[in-house]
Every structure is written in structure tokens, then in C-alpha cells.
């Protein structure tokens, strides 16, 4: 069940990207929440339902992070070589899954739906709320994504994709 909450401001996942992309813009914006239960398949289906908006020249931003382990980020310690390997393994899986032209859209959906089976998935995402916006975006277009960012953020490899 969905409902409109006119009293709630934008979440940081909407506010920050828009502030960086369009600092002076006053543009209409709709923020949607993740589904209760955090089912990756259902989030891909949300993307499919939104796909017709692309024809209307509407920008859809799936804001999150390809790595989001706050315990690691907030530990005030340098990321260990073992942790770095875990992060890199997951990042390589994610990049391949999102960008590989040899994967069919069904294979990509299956991989993303079962993301928790990827190397070190739960280390990189103890909770999936910062990964699932990617699933929505992957559902919007069936073609492979373009890797537009792949660098370290606070010592952890992070990637961003454009569909």
C-alpha cells in the first residue's frame, strides 16, 4: 500500500544528489520509498513499471552506494587488506553484473535478485537499503549499464552506473 506524505522532506538519498547535480534548480521531484520486506525482485519490477517515464524525458535517480557497511566506514580505522579484497570482490561482481553485454536481461535480473549470493555481499551490505535503488534502475532499462564511476570513497571501492 502506498500513500502520500506531504509533511516529510526529501531523504538524503534525494536531496544530496539533486543538490550536487542541480544546485540552483527548482524542479519538480517525486521521491519513492523502498518496499517493506526489501525484496530485490519487486524493486526490479518497480523499475519496469517506471520504464515508460524515460520516453517523457524524466530523470530517474537511484541513489545508494555500491558499498555501504557503516561499521567499516565509522570505525575510525583504515580498511584492512582483507576487507579491501572483500569490497573489491563484491564491486567486481556488481560491475560485471550491471555492465556485461554477454548477459541477457533475464540473467542480469536473476543475478541482481540473488545479489546476497555474490562474493562478500553481506559484508558490503549488511542491510540492502542502499543497494536496492540500483535494482529499480536496472529494471527500467533491460540493456547493460555504463560504468560512470569506479573509485575509492573513504577507502572503499564504489561504483556508479548509468542506464
Protein backbone atom coordinates (compact mmCIF):
# COMPACT_ATOMS: atom_id res chain seq x y z
CA UNK A 1 0.00 0.00 0.00
CA UNK A 2 1.35 3.43 -0.84
CA UNK A 3 0.43 6.84 0.46
CA UNK A 4 1.48 10.44 0.01
CA UNK A 5 3.15 12.21 2.94
CA UNK A 6 3.27 15.94 2.20
CA UNK A 7 4.91 16.69 5.56
CA UNK A 8 8.03 14.61 5.03
CA UNK A 9 11.00 16.34 3.45
CA UNK A 10 13.36 14.73 0.99
CA UNK A 11 15.56 11.91 2.19
CA UNK A 12 19.32 12.44 1.89
CA UNK A 13 19.27 9.95 -1.00
CA UNK A 14 17.27 12.50 -3.00
CA UNK A 15 18.46 15.79 -1.54
CA UNK A 16 22.22 15.24 -1.86
CA UNK A 17 22.34 14.04 -5.50
CA UNK A 18 19.96 16.80 -6.63
CA UNK A 19 21.89 19.44 -4.73
CA UNK A 20 25.10 18.28 -6.43
CA UNK A 21 23.59 17.90 -9.91
CA UNK A 22 21.30 20.94 -9.94
CA UNK A 23 22.31 23.27 -7.06
CA UNK A 24 20.15 26.20 -8.17
CA UNK A 25 17.28 24.31 -9.76
CA UNK A 26 13.73 24.39 -8.63
CA UNK A 27 12.47 21.28 -10.36
CA UNK A 28 9.53 19.00 -9.68
CA UNK A 29 10.65 15.88 -7.89
CA UNK A 30 8.95 12.74 -6.62
CA UNK A 31 10.67 10.55 -4.07
CA UNK A 32 9.60 6.94 -3.70
CA UNK A 33 10.41 4.68 -0.80
CA UNK A 34 11.70 1.15 -0.83
CA UNK A 35 9.16 -1.60 -0.34
CA UNK A 36 8.75 -3.16 3.07
CA UNK A 37 10.50 -6.52 3.03
CA UNK A 38 13.24 -5.19 0.71
CA UNK A 39 12.61 -7.85 -1.98
CA UNK A 40 15.11 -7.24 -4.82
CA UNK A 41 12.80 -8.78 -7.47
CA UNK A 42 9.98 -6.43 -6.53
CA UNK A 43 12.32 -3.44 -6.82
CA UNK A 44 13.32 -4.56 -10.32
CA UNK A 45 9.59 -4.75 -11.08
CA UNK A 46 9.15 -1.16 -9.84
CA UNK A 47 11.79 -0.15 -12.39
CA UNK A 48 9.91 -1.95 -15.14
CA UNK A 49 6.72 -0.13 -14.12
CA UNK A 50 8.55 3.22 -14.31
CA UNK A 51 10.25 2.49 -17.65
CA UNK A 52 7.71 4.39 -19.75
CA UNK A 53 8.78 7.62 -18.00
CA UNK A 54 12.05 7.55 -19.97
CA UNK A 55 10.07 8.41 -23.12
CA UNK A 56 8.78 11.52 -21.33
CA UNK A 57 12.31 12.83 -20.73
CA UNK A 58 12.11 12.23 -16.98
CA UNK A 59 15.30 11.72 -14.99
CA UNK A 60 15.26 8.79 -12.60
CA UNK A 61 17.98 8.66 -9.96
CA UNK A 62 18.58 5.51 -7.95
CA UNK A 63 20.65 6.86 -5.11
CA UNK A 64 22.53 4.50 -2.85
CA UNK A 65 26.02 3.05 -2.65
CA UNK A 66 27.67 0.01 -4.12
CA UNK A 67 29.37 -0.41 -0.72
CA UNK A 68 27.54 0.54 2.47
CA UNK A 69 28.91 -1.01 5.63
CA UNK A 70 28.66 1.76 8.23
CA UNK A 71 30.55 -0.29 10.81
CA UNK A 72 33.57 -0.23 8.48
CA UNK A 73 33.08 3.41 7.44
CA UNK A 74 32.67 4.67 11.00
CA UNK A 75 35.32 2.52 12.70
CA UNK A 76 37.94 5.30 12.51
CA UNK A 77 40.38 2.63 11.37
CA UNK A 78 41.91 2.07 8.00
CA UNK A 79 40.24 -0.62 5.91
CA UNK A 80 42.31 -3.79 6.17
CA UNK A 81 43.70 -5.62 3.15
CA UNK A 82 41.27 -8.46 3.81
CA UNK A 83 38.30 -6.06 3.97
CA UNK A 84 39.55 -4.30 0.82
CA UNK A 85 39.64 -7.65 -1.01
CA UNK A 86 36.07 -8.38 0.12
CA UNK A 87 34.91 -4.96 -1.06
CA UNK A 88 36.72 -5.31 -4.39
CA UNK A 89 35.31 -8.81 -5.00
CA UNK A 90 31.75 -7.57 -4.50
CA UNK A 91 32.39 -4.47 -6.59
CA UNK A 92 33.79 -6.57 -9.45
CA UNK A 93 30.71 -8.81 -9.30
CA UNK A 94 28.41 -5.78 -9.34
CA UNK A 95 30.23 -4.11 -12.24
CA UNK A 96 30.18 -7.32 -14.28
CA UNK A 97 26.51 -7.97 -13.48
CA UNK A 98 25.41 -4.46 -14.44
CA UNK A 99 27.62 -3.86 -17.49
CA UNK A 100 28.29 -7.24 -19.12
CA UNK A 101 26.94 -7.24 -22.69
CA UNK A 102 27.07 -11.05 -22.71
CA UNK A 103 24.39 -11.30 -20.02
CA UNK A 104 20.78 -11.35 -21.14
CA UNK A 105 18.37 -9.09 -19.27
CA UNK A 106 16.88 -12.21 -17.61
CA UNK A 107 20.34 -13.35 -16.47
CA UNK A 108 21.07 -9.85 -15.12
CA UNK A 109 17.76 -9.81 -13.26
CA UNK A 110 18.47 -13.24 -11.78
CA UNK A 111 21.94 -12.15 -10.60
CA UNK A 112 20.61 -8.93 -9.06
CA UNK A 113 17.64 -10.72 -7.48
CA UNK A 114 20.11 -13.07 -5.82
CA UNK A 115 22.66 -10.36 -5.01
CA UNK A 116 23.05 -11.75 -1.48
CA UNK A 117 24.85 -14.76 -3.04
CA UNK A 118 27.52 -12.51 -4.59
CA UNK A 119 31.02 -12.59 -3.08
CA UNK A 120 31.02 -10.85 0.32
CA UNK A 121 27.55 -9.41 -0.29
CA UNK A 122 26.52 -9.16 3.35
CA UNK A 123 29.85 -7.70 4.38
CA UNK A 124 29.40 -4.94 1.80
CA UNK A 125 25.68 -4.53 2.52
CA UNK A 126 24.67 -5.73 5.99
CA UNK A 127 21.30 -4.20 5.03
CA UNK A 128 20.30 -3.76 1.42
CA UNK A 129 18.51 -0.42 1.51
CA UNK A 130 21.47 1.36 -0.11
CA UNK A 131 21.74 -1.21 -2.90
CA UNK A 132 18.08 -1.64 -3.90
CA UNK A 133 17.76 1.69 -5.73
CA UNK A 134 20.18 0.15 -8.24
CA UNK A 135 17.67 -2.68 -8.75
CA UNK A 136 14.97 -0.16 -9.61
CA UNK A 137 17.25 1.45 -12.20
CA UNK A 138 18.24 -1.93 -13.63
CA UNK A 139 14.55 -2.71 -14.10
CA UNK A 140 13.93 0.49 -16.06
CA UNK A 141 16.17 -0.48 -18.97
CA UNK A 142 16.93 -4.05 -19.99
CA UNK A 143 20.25 -3.16 -21.62
CA UNK A 144 23.58 -3.25 -19.77
CA UNK A 145 24.59 -0.18 -17.80
CA UNK A 146 27.60 2.03 -18.40
CA UNK A 147 30.10 2.25 -15.55
CA UNK A 148 30.43 6.00 -14.92
CA UNK A 149 32.28 5.98 -11.60
CA UNK A 150 34.64 3.42 -10.06
CA UNK A 151 36.89 4.82 -7.36
CA UNK A 152 37.52 4.83 -3.64
CA UNK A 153 35.24 6.65 -1.23
CA UNK A 154 36.60 6.76 2.31
CA UNK A 155 38.93 3.91 1.37
CA UNK A 156 36.26 1.62 -0.11
CA UNK A 157 35.78 0.87 -3.81
CA UNK A 158 32.45 2.27 -5.00
CA UNK A 159 30.82 2.24 -8.41
CA UNK A 160 28.06 4.17 -10.14
CA UNK A 161 26.13 3.17 -13.24
CA UNK A 162 24.12 4.87 -15.96
CA UNK A 163 21.35 3.14 -17.83
